[in-house]
Amino acid sequence: MNKQQQNGIERLFVEFAEECSKNPNLNQAVQEMREGVFEAAESAGVDPSHAFGVIIRDMMILESLQKRVEESRNALTAGKLPAFVIEEAREQR
C-alpha cells in the first residue's frame, strides 16, 4: 500500500468514527458486528482486535473505491476527468 492509499485509509477511519458518533444505528450495527467478529476470531485462535480492524479496513477500502467509481462515472458523463485522476496524473509528472 502506498503513502497516498494509507493516508486515504486513515482519513476513512476518521470519517467512519465520525459517522458512527452521529448515527446511533450505524454505531449499533458496528457493535453487533464487532461482537460476532470477536467471537469468530477467538474460536479461530486469532487476535480479535486485529481481525476486526482488518474487516473494517477492507470495508472502508471498498467504500472508498465505490466513491471513486461514482465520481468517475459522473465526471466522465460530463465529459471531464475526475479530480483524483487529474491530481494523480499531475503528481507523476
C-alpha atoms as a PDB file:
ATOM      1  CA  MET A   1       0.000   0.000   0.000  1.00  0.00           C
ATOM      2  CA  ASN A   2       1.462   3.354  -0.982  1.00  0.00           C
ATOM      3  CA  LYS A   3       1.526   6.533   1.135  1.00  0.00           C
ATOM      4  CA  GLN A   4      -1.468   8.072  -0.656  1.00  0.00           C
ATOM      5  CA  GLN A   5      -3.556   4.951  -0.089  1.00  0.00           C
ATOM      6  CA  GLN A   6      -2.506   4.827   3.574  1.00  0.00           C
ATOM      7  CA  ASN A   7      -3.488   8.475   4.061  1.00  0.00           C
ATOM      8  CA  GLY A   8      -6.812   7.757   2.391  1.00  0.00           C
ATOM      9  CA  ILE A   9      -7.489   4.828   4.694  1.00  0.00           C
ATOM     10  CA  GLU A  10      -6.581   6.877   7.770  1.00  0.00           C
ATOM     11  CA  ARG A  11      -8.989   9.582   6.577  1.00  0.00           C
ATOM     12  CA  LEU A  12     -11.668   6.933   6.118  1.00  0.00           C
ATOM     13  CA  PHE A  13     -11.127   5.664   9.680  1.00  0.00           C
ATOM     14  CA  VAL A  14     -11.704   9.195  10.960  1.00  0.00           C
ATOM     15  CA  GLU A  15     -14.773   9.653   8.755  1.00  0.00           C
ATOM     16  CA  PHE A  16     -16.110   6.263   9.834  1.00  0.00           C
ATOM     17  CA  ALA A  17     -15.679   7.117  13.507  1.00  0.00           C
ATOM     18  CA  GLU A  18     -17.439  10.462  12.949  1.00  0.00           C
ATOM     19  CA  GLU A  19     -20.319   8.756  11.165  1.00  0.00           C
ATOM     20  CA  CYS A  20     -20.648   6.226  13.981  1.00  0.00           C
ATOM     21  CA  SER A  21     -20.807   9.062  16.535  1.00  0.00           C
ATOM     22  CA  LYS A  22     -23.543  10.823  14.513  1.00  0.00           C
ATOM     23  CA  ASN A  23     -25.593   7.762  13.624  1.00  0.00           C
ATOM     24  CA  PRO A  24     -26.715   5.546  16.518  1.00  0.00           C
ATOM     25  CA  ASN A  25     -27.999   2.877  14.104  1.00  0.00           C
ATOM     26  CA  LEU A  26     -24.604   2.607  12.398  1.00  0.00           C
ATOM     27  CA  ASN A  27     -22.865   2.553  15.755  1.00  0.00           C
ATOM     28  CA  GLN A  28     -25.189  -0.247  16.932  1.00  0.00           C
ATOM     29  CA  ALA A  29     -24.577  -2.255  13.743  1.00  0.00           C
ATOM     30  CA  VAL A  30     -20.815  -1.910  14.168  1.00  0.00           C
ATOM     31  CA  GLN A  31     -21.045  -3.037  17.788  1.00  0.00           C
ATOM     32  CA  GLU A  32     -23.098  -6.074  16.805  1.00  0.00           C
ATOM     33  CA  MET A  33     -20.683  -6.918  14.010  1.00  0.00           C
ATOM     34  CA  ARG A  34     -17.766  -6.440  16.386  1.00  0.00           C
ATOM     35  CA  GLU A  35     -19.214  -8.963  18.818  1.00  0.00           C
ATOM     36  CA  GLY A  36     -19.612 -11.536  16.044  1.00  0.00           C
ATOM     37  CA  VAL A  37     -16.105 -10.912  14.720  1.00  0.00           C
ATOM     38  CA  PHE A  38     -14.627 -11.191  18.208  1.00  0.00           C
ATOM     39  CA  GLU A  39     -16.380 -14.500  18.851  1.00  0.00           C
ATOM     40  CA  ALA A  40     -15.304 -15.907  15.483  1.00  0.00           C
ATOM     41  CA  ALA A  41     -11.728 -14.655  15.916  1.00  0.00           C
ATOM     42  CA  GLU A  42     -11.416 -16.216  19.346  1.00  0.00           C
ATOM     43  CA  SER A  43     -12.685 -19.545  18.063  1.00  0.00           C
ATOM     44  CA  ALA A  44     -10.204 -19.296  15.157  1.00  0.00           C
ATOM     45  CA  GLY A  45      -7.374 -18.525  17.561  1.00  0.00           C
ATOM     46  CA  VAL A  46      -6.520 -15.083  16.174  1.00  0.00           C
ATOM     47  CA  ASP A  47      -6.369 -11.655  17.798  1.00  0.00           C
ATOM     48  CA  PRO A  48      -9.956 -10.329  17.811  1.00  0.00           C
ATOM     49  CA  SER A  49      -8.945  -6.656  17.626  1.00  0.00           C
ATOM     50  CA  HIS A  50      -6.728  -7.297  14.644  1.00  0.00           C
ATOM     51  CA  ALA A  51      -9.420  -9.342  12.886  1.00  0.00           C
ATOM     52  CA  PHE A  52     -11.987  -6.576  13.433  1.00  0.00           C
ATOM     53  CA  GLY A  53      -9.530  -3.975  12.175  1.00  0.00           C
ATOM     54  CA  VAL A  54      -8.872  -5.962   9.000  1.00  0.00           C
ATOM     55  CA  ILE A  55     -12.584  -6.291   8.277  1.00  0.00           C
ATOM     56  CA  ILE A  56     -13.301  -2.603   8.917  1.00  0.00           C
ATOM     57  CA  ARG A  57     -10.260  -1.609   6.828  1.00  0.00           C
ATOM     58  CA  ASP A  58     -11.458  -3.682   3.894  1.00  0.00           C
ATOM     59  CA  MET A  59     -14.981  -2.294   4.203  1.00  0.00           C
ATOM     60  CA  MET A  60     -13.587   1.236   4.160  1.00  0.00           C
ATOM     61  CA  ILE A  61     -11.375   0.475   1.154  1.00  0.00           C
ATOM     62  CA  LEU A  62     -14.444  -0.846  -0.656  1.00  0.00           C
ATOM     63  CA  GLU A  63     -16.422   2.274   0.282  1.00  0.00           C
ATOM     64  CA  SER A  64     -13.584   4.487  -0.953  1.00  0.00           C
ATOM     65  CA  LEU A  65     -13.386   2.631  -4.262  1.00  0.00           C
ATOM     66  CA  GLN A  66     -17.151   2.819  -4.698  1.00  0.00           C
ATOM     67  CA  LYS A  67     -16.992   6.598  -4.197  1.00  0.00           C
ATOM     68  CA  ARG A  68     -14.192   6.864  -6.768  1.00  0.00           C
ATOM     69  CA  VAL A  69     -16.173   4.817  -9.285  1.00  0.00           C
ATOM     70  CA  GLU A  70     -19.225   7.021  -8.774  1.00  0.00           C
ATOM     71  CA  GLU A  71     -17.087  10.160  -9.091  1.00  0.00           C
ATOM     72  CA  SER A  72     -15.566   8.755 -12.286  1.00  0.00           C
ATOM     73  CA  ARG A  73     -18.955   7.959 -13.788  1.00  0.00           C
ATOM     74  CA  ASN A  74     -20.299  11.410 -13.001  1.00  0.00           C
ATOM     75  CA  ALA A  75     -17.217  13.206 -14.324  1.00  0.00           C
ATOM     76  CA  LEU A  76     -16.959  11.121 -17.488  1.00  0.00           C
ATOM     77  CA  THR A  77     -20.677  11.562 -18.172  1.00  0.00           C
ATOM     78  CA  ALA A  78     -19.999  15.313 -18.078  1.00  0.00           C
ATOM     79  CA  GLY A  79     -17.034  14.847 -20.437  1.00  0.00           C
ATOM     80  CA  LYS A  80     -14.421  15.507 -17.740  1.00  0.00           C
ATOM     81  CA  LEU A  81     -11.836  13.588 -15.768  1.00  0.00           C
ATOM     82  CA  PRO A  82     -12.454  13.068 -12.073  1.00  0.00           C
ATOM     83  CA  ALA A  83     -10.390  15.326  -9.793  1.00  0.00           C
ATOM     84  CA  PHE A  84      -8.462  12.426  -8.238  1.00  0.00           C
ATOM     85  CA  VAL A  85      -7.286  11.302 -11.708  1.00  0.00           C
ATOM     86  CA  ILE A  86      -6.035  14.781 -12.539  1.00  0.00           C
ATOM     87  CA  GLU A  87      -4.232  15.028  -9.177  1.00  0.00           C
ATOM     88  CA  GLU A  88      -2.550  11.650  -9.563  1.00  0.00           C
ATOM     89  CA  ALA A  89      -1.545  12.364 -13.180  1.00  0.00           C
ATOM     90  CA  ARG A  90      -0.019  15.690 -12.165  1.00  0.00           C
ATOM     91  CA  GLU A  91       1.941  14.047  -9.363  1.00  0.00           C
ATOM     92  CA  GLN A  92       3.511  11.648 -11.885  1.00  0.00           C
ATOM     93  CA  ARG A  93       4.986  14.487 -13.970  1.00  0.00           C
END
